[in-house]
Amino acid sequence: MKDYESLIERLFDENSRVDTTDAQREANEFRIKQIRLMNRPIPPNTPYIRFDPITERLQDSNYSYAPSKLLSK
């Protein structure tokens, strides 16, 4: 078993105890979620596409860059 899996089990055990406060349970749930996100498997052969707005602008004089345009795609 990996270290982070044993930590998640300990947090689940702590949440199941009666004397654990609601605030601590919420903090434990956040920590469990954070650990799972940090240790999720990386999909193989996932290409990384780098976006460079400066190069795009130099290649095309009519090119316009705005973060809101990127979010709408």
N, C-alpha and C. Protein backbone atom coordinates (compact mmCIF):
# COMPACT_ATOMS: atom_id res chain seq x y z
N MET A 1 0.84 -1.18 0.00
CA MET A 1 0.00 0.00 0.00
C MET A 1 0.89 1.24 0.00
N LYS A 2 0.44 2.23 -0.73
CA LYS A 2 1.21 3.47 -0.81
C LYS A 2 0.96 4.32 0.42
N ASP A 3 1.88 5.22 0.70
CA ASP A 3 1.78 6.05 1.89
C ASP A 3 0.51 6.90 1.90
N TYR A 4 0.16 7.46 0.74
CA TYR A 4 -1.01 8.33 0.73
C TYR A 4 -2.30 7.54 0.94
N GLU A 5 -2.34 6.27 0.53
CA GLU A 5 -3.53 5.45 0.78
C GLU A 5 -3.71 5.18 2.27
N SER A 6 -2.62 4.95 2.97
CA SER A 6 -2.72 4.73 4.42
C SER A 6 -3.15 6.03 5.13
N LEU A 7 -2.70 7.17 4.63
CA LEU A 7 -3.12 8.45 5.20
C LEU A 7 -4.61 8.67 4.99
N ILE A 8 -5.11 8.33 3.79
CA ILE A 8 -6.54 8.46 3.51
C ILE A 8 -7.35 7.56 4.44
N GLU A 9 -6.88 6.34 4.67
CA GLU A 9 -7.57 5.43 5.59
C GLU A 9 -7.62 5.99 7.00
N ARG A 10 -6.50 6.57 7.46
CA ARG A 10 -6.48 7.17 8.80
C ARG A 10 -7.46 8.34 8.91
N LEU A 11 -7.55 9.13 7.84
CA LEU A 11 -8.49 10.25 7.85
C LEU A 11 -9.94 9.76 7.87
N PHE A 12 -10.23 8.69 7.11
CA PHE A 12 -11.56 8.10 7.15
C PHE A 12 -11.89 7.56 8.54
N ASP A 13 -10.90 6.90 9.16
CA ASP A 13 -11.10 6.40 10.52
C ASP A 13 -11.38 7.53 11.50
N GLU A 14 -10.65 8.62 11.35
CA GLU A 14 -10.86 9.76 12.24
C GLU A 14 -12.25 10.36 12.03
N ASN A 15 -12.70 10.40 10.78
CA ASN A 15 -14.04 10.94 10.50
C ASN A 15 -15.14 10.04 11.07
N SER A 16 -14.89 8.75 11.19
CA SER A 16 -15.92 7.83 11.69
C SER A 16 -16.05 7.88 13.21
N ARG A 17 -15.07 8.47 13.90
CA ARG A 17 -15.15 8.58 15.37
C ARG A 17 -16.19 9.60 15.79
N VAL A 18 -16.82 9.35 16.91
CA VAL A 18 -17.89 10.22 17.41
C VAL A 18 -17.33 11.55 17.93
N ASP A 19 -16.14 11.53 18.51
CA ASP A 19 -15.61 12.73 19.14
C ASP A 19 -14.96 13.72 18.16
N THR A 20 -14.97 13.41 16.86
CA THR A 20 -14.40 14.32 15.87
C THR A 20 -15.38 15.45 15.59
N THR A 21 -14.89 16.67 15.63
CA THR A 21 -15.76 17.83 15.41
C THR A 21 -16.13 17.95 13.92
N ASP A 22 -17.19 18.70 13.67
CA ASP A 22 -17.62 18.91 12.28
C ASP A 22 -16.56 19.64 11.46
N ALA A 23 -15.90 20.60 12.09
CA ALA A 23 -14.85 21.35 11.40
C ALA A 23 -13.69 20.43 11.02
N GLN A 24 -13.34 19.51 11.93
CA GLN A 24 -12.25 18.57 11.64
C GLN A 24 -12.65 17.60 10.54
N ARG A 25 -13.92 17.17 10.55
CA ARG A 25 -14.40 16.28 9.49
C ARG A 25 -14.31 16.97 8.13
N GLU A 26 -14.72 18.23 8.10
CA GLU A 26 -14.66 18.99 6.85
C GLU A 26 -13.21 19.15 6.38
N ALA A 27 -12.32 19.42 7.32
CA ALA A 27 -10.90 19.55 6.97
C ALA A 27 -10.34 18.22 6.47
N ASN A 28 -10.76 17.12 7.09
CA ASN A 28 -10.30 15.80 6.64
C ASN A 28 -10.82 15.48 5.24
N GLU A 29 -12.07 15.82 4.96
CA GLU A 29 -12.63 15.57 3.63
C GLU A 29 -11.87 16.38 2.57
N PHE A 30 -11.54 17.62 2.90
CA PHE A 30 -10.77 18.44 1.97
C PHE A 30 -9.39 17.84 1.74
N ARG A 31 -8.77 17.38 2.81
CA ARG A 31 -7.43 16.77 2.70
C ARG A 31 -7.47 15.49 1.88
N ILE A 32 -8.51 14.68 2.07
CA ILE A 32 -8.66 13.45 1.28
C ILE A 32 -8.79 13.79 -0.20
N LYS A 33 -9.63 14.78 -0.50
CA LYS A 33 -9.82 15.20 -1.89
C LYS A 33 -8.51 15.71 -2.49
N GLN A 34 -7.78 16.49 -1.70
CA GLN A 34 -6.51 17.05 -2.17
C GLN A 34 -5.48 15.94 -2.42
N ILE A 35 -5.40 14.96 -1.53
CA ILE A 35 -4.45 13.86 -1.70
C ILE A 35 -4.78 13.06 -2.94
N ARG A 36 -6.07 12.79 -3.15
CA ARG A 36 -6.47 12.02 -4.34
C ARG A 36 -6.15 12.77 -5.63
N LEU A 37 -6.36 14.08 -5.64
CA LEU A 37 -6.04 14.85 -6.83
C LEU A 37 -4.54 14.89 -7.11
N MET A 38 -3.75 15.01 -6.06
CA MET A 38 -2.30 15.08 -6.23
C MET A 38 -1.70 13.75 -6.67
N ASN A 39 -2.36 12.65 -6.35
CA ASN A 39 -1.80 11.33 -6.63
C ASN A 39 -2.59 10.57 -7.69
N ARG A 40 -3.39 11.27 -8.47
CA ARG A 40 -4.14 10.57 -9.51
C ARG A 40 -3.19 10.15 -10.63
N PRO A 41 -3.52 9.06 -11.30
CA PRO A 41 -2.63 8.59 -12.37
C PRO A 41 -2.64 9.54 -13.57
N ILE A 42 -1.51 9.67 -14.20
CA ILE A 42 -1.38 10.53 -15.37
C ILE A 42 -1.72 9.69 -16.60
N PRO A 43 -2.65 10.15 -17.43
CA PRO A 43 -2.98 9.37 -18.63
C PRO A 43 -1.79 9.28 -19.58
N PRO A 44 -1.54 8.12 -20.13
CA PRO A 44 -0.39 7.98 -21.03
C PRO A 44 -0.66 8.67 -22.37
N ASN A 45 0.39 9.13 -22.97
CA ASN A 45 0.34 9.74 -24.30
C ASN A 45 -0.59 10.95 -24.38
N THR A 46 -0.64 11.72 -23.33
CA THR A 46 -1.43 12.94 -23.35
C THR A 46 -0.55 14.07 -23.86
N PRO A 47 -0.87 14.59 -25.03
CA PRO A 47 0.01 15.64 -25.57
C PRO A 47 -0.15 16.96 -24.82
N TYR A 48 0.92 17.67 -24.70
CA TYR A 48 0.90 18.99 -24.10
C TYR A 48 0.97 20.02 -25.22
N ILE A 49 -0.02 20.86 -25.31
CA ILE A 49 -0.06 21.87 -26.35
C ILE A 49 0.20 23.22 -25.70
N ARG A 50 1.29 23.83 -26.09
CA ARG A 50 1.65 25.13 -25.53
C ARG A 50 1.04 26.22 -26.38
N PHE A 51 0.39 27.16 -25.74
CA PHE A 51 -0.24 28.27 -26.44
C PHE A 51 0.56 29.53 -26.17
N ASP A 52 1.04 30.14 -27.23
CA ASP A 52 1.83 31.36 -27.11
C ASP A 52 1.15 32.48 -27.89
N PRO A 53 0.44 33.37 -27.21
CA PRO A 53 -0.28 34.42 -27.92
C PRO A 53 0.63 35.42 -28.64
N ILE A 54 1.84 35.58 -28.16
CA ILE A 54 2.76 36.53 -28.80
C ILE A 54 3.16 36.01 -30.17
N THR A 55 3.50 34.73 -30.27
CA THR A 55 3.86 34.14 -31.55
C THR A 55 2.68 34.18 -32.51
N GLU A 56 1.50 33.88 -31.99
CA GLU A 56 0.30 33.94 -32.83
C GLU A 56 0.10 35.34 -33.39
N ARG A 57 0.30 36.33 -32.57
CA ARG A 57 0.12 37.72 -33.00
C ARG A 57 1.16 38.11 -34.05
N LEU A 58 2.39 37.63 -33.90
CA LEU A 58 3.44 37.94 -34.88
C LEU A 58 3.16 37.28 -36.22
N GLN A 59 2.54 36.10 -36.21
CA GLN A 59 2.23 35.39 -37.45
C GLN A 59 1.01 35.97 -38.16
N ASP A 60 0.05 36.45 -37.39
CA ASP A 60 -1.19 36.97 -37.96
C ASP A 60 -1.48 38.35 -37.36
N SER A 61 -1.48 39.37 -38.20
CA SER A 61 -1.66 40.73 -37.68
C SER A 61 -3.09 40.98 -37.21
N ASN A 62 -4.05 40.20 -37.64
CA ASN A 62 -5.44 40.37 -37.23
C ASN A 62 -5.79 39.54 -35.99
N TYR A 63 -4.81 38.85 -35.45
CA TYR A 63 -5.08 37.98 -34.30
C TYR A 63 -5.34 38.82 -33.05
N SER A 64 -6.36 38.43 -32.31
CA SER A 64 -6.71 39.12 -31.08
C SER A 64 -6.73 38.11 -29.94
N TYR A 65 -6.14 38.46 -28.81
CA TYR A 65 -6.05 37.56 -27.67
C TYR A 65 -6.76 38.17 -26.48
N ALA A 66 -7.67 37.37 -25.89
CA ALA A 66 -8.33 37.77 -24.66
C ALA A 66 -8.66 36.49 -23.88
N PRO A 67 -8.40 36.46 -22.57
CA PRO A 67 -8.69 35.24 -21.78
C PRO A 67 -10.15 34.81 -21.88
N SER A 68 -11.07 35.78 -21.99
CA SER A 68 -12.48 35.41 -22.08
C SER A 68 -12.77 34.63 -23.37
N LYS A 69 -12.03 34.92 -24.44
CA LYS A 69 -12.20 34.16 -25.69
C LYS A 69 -11.73 32.72 -25.53
N LEU A 70 -10.67 32.52 -24.75
CA LEU A 70 -10.16 31.17 -24.53
C LEU A 70 -11.14 30.35 -23.69
N LEU A 71 -11.80 30.98 -22.74
CA LEU A 71 -12.73 30.27 -21.88
C LEU A 71 -14.02 29.90 -22.59
N SER A 72 -14.35 30.61 -23.63
CA SER A 72 -15.61 30.34 -24.33
C SER A 72 -15.51 29.15 -25.27
N LYS A 73 -14.30 28.66 -25.54
CA LYS A 73 -14.13 27.52 -26.47
C LYS A 73 -14.58 26.24 -25.86
